[in-house]
């Protein structure tokens, strides 16, 4: 009985997390910002990963909505297993 309650609780928590994630991603951004900072997420080749591409796409959407002179700053380094600096791959993507 306790195992069933635990499993249902975990399932409900996961469903709530998914709903929150989807609703957060689709919210509109109406504030004027001076700078957009995009944090890295790791790369395996010279191209950005799908998760990092989603971050960069969102930053670009916000950048295009702004009327002021907003800047995009990409932030990351180069790990020992990364062929190029991640910030360079992000710059190329944008």
Protein backbone atom coordinates (compact mmCIF):
# COMPACT_ATOMS: atom_id res chain seq x y z
CA UNK A 1 0.00 0.00 0.00
CA UNK A 2 2.77 2.42 0.94
CA UNK A 3 4.62 1.62 -2.26
CA UNK A 4 1.55 2.50 -4.33
CA UNK A 5 1.16 5.81 -2.48
CA UNK A 6 4.84 6.59 -2.99
CA UNK A 7 4.64 5.79 -6.72
CA UNK A 8 1.53 7.93 -7.15
CA UNK A 9 3.19 10.79 -5.27
CA UNK A 10 6.25 10.61 -7.49
CA UNK A 11 4.09 10.49 -10.61
CA UNK A 12 2.07 13.51 -9.48
CA UNK A 13 5.27 15.42 -8.68
CA UNK A 14 6.68 14.62 -12.11
CA UNK A 15 3.47 15.72 -13.86
CA UNK A 16 3.47 19.00 -11.89
CA UNK A 17 7.09 19.57 -12.87
CA UNK A 18 6.29 19.00 -16.56
CA UNK A 19 3.34 21.40 -16.46
CA UNK A 20 5.45 24.06 -14.72
CA UNK A 21 8.31 23.62 -17.21
CA UNK A 22 6.08 23.94 -20.28
CA UNK A 23 4.19 26.93 -18.90
CA UNK A 24 7.43 28.68 -17.90
CA UNK A 25 8.93 28.17 -21.35
CA UNK A 26 5.89 29.62 -23.11
CA UNK A 27 5.44 32.71 -20.97
CA UNK A 28 5.83 36.07 -22.64
CA UNK A 29 8.59 38.43 -21.61
CA UNK A 30 7.54 42.07 -21.48
CA UNK A 31 10.35 43.73 -19.52
CA UNK A 32 12.98 45.88 -21.16
CA UNK A 33 16.42 44.47 -20.42
CA UNK A 34 19.90 45.83 -21.01
CA UNK A 35 21.73 42.53 -21.25
CA UNK A 36 20.75 38.93 -21.95
CA UNK A 37 23.14 36.35 -20.49
CA UNK A 38 23.10 32.83 -21.92
CA UNK A 39 24.86 30.19 -19.84
CA UNK A 40 26.55 27.27 -21.51
CA UNK A 41 25.36 23.68 -21.42
CA UNK A 42 28.27 21.68 -22.83
CA UNK A 43 29.05 20.75 -26.43
CA UNK A 44 30.31 17.53 -27.97
CA UNK A 45 31.19 18.74 -31.47
CA UNK A 46 31.74 22.18 -32.95
CA UNK A 47 27.98 22.75 -32.90
CA UNK A 48 25.63 23.57 -30.03
CA UNK A 49 23.44 20.87 -28.49
CA UNK A 50 19.64 21.02 -28.83
CA UNK A 51 19.27 22.20 -25.22
CA UNK A 52 21.77 25.00 -25.76
CA UNK A 53 20.14 25.88 -29.08
CA UNK A 54 16.82 26.29 -27.26
CA UNK A 55 18.47 28.70 -24.79
CA UNK A 56 20.01 30.68 -27.63
CA UNK A 57 16.73 30.76 -29.57
CA UNK A 58 14.93 32.12 -26.50
CA UNK A 59 17.62 34.77 -26.01
CA UNK A 60 17.30 35.75 -29.66
CA UNK A 61 13.50 36.01 -29.33
CA UNK A 62 13.85 38.34 -26.34
CA UNK A 63 16.54 40.33 -28.17
CA UNK A 64 14.27 40.85 -31.18
CA UNK A 65 11.35 41.96 -28.96
CA UNK A 66 13.41 44.71 -27.32
CA UNK A 67 13.30 48.27 -28.57
CA UNK A 68 16.46 49.31 -26.72
CA UNK A 69 20.05 48.45 -27.48
CA UNK A 70 20.08 45.07 -25.75
CA UNK A 71 23.21 42.93 -25.87
CA UNK A 72 23.53 39.13 -25.72
CA UNK A 73 26.43 37.78 -23.67
CA UNK A 74 27.29 34.11 -24.05
CA UNK A 75 29.13 32.62 -21.10
CA UNK A 76 31.14 29.44 -21.07
CA UNK A 77 34.61 28.01 -21.31
CA UNK A 78 36.26 25.07 -23.02
CA UNK A 79 36.29 21.73 -21.28
CA UNK A 80 39.01 19.15 -21.90
CA UNK A 81 36.67 17.11 -24.11
CA UNK A 82 35.31 20.06 -26.12
CA UNK A 83 36.90 20.73 -29.53
CA UNK A 84 36.30 24.51 -29.44
CA UNK A 85 35.28 27.00 -26.74
CA UNK A 86 31.57 26.74 -26.13
CA UNK A 87 31.15 30.51 -26.32
CA UNK A 88 32.56 30.41 -29.86
CA UNK A 89 30.03 27.74 -30.89
CA UNK A 90 27.28 29.87 -29.34
CA UNK A 91 28.48 32.96 -31.21
CA UNK A 92 28.48 31.04 -34.50
CA UNK A 93 24.94 29.82 -33.83
CA UNK A 94 23.65 33.33 -33.22
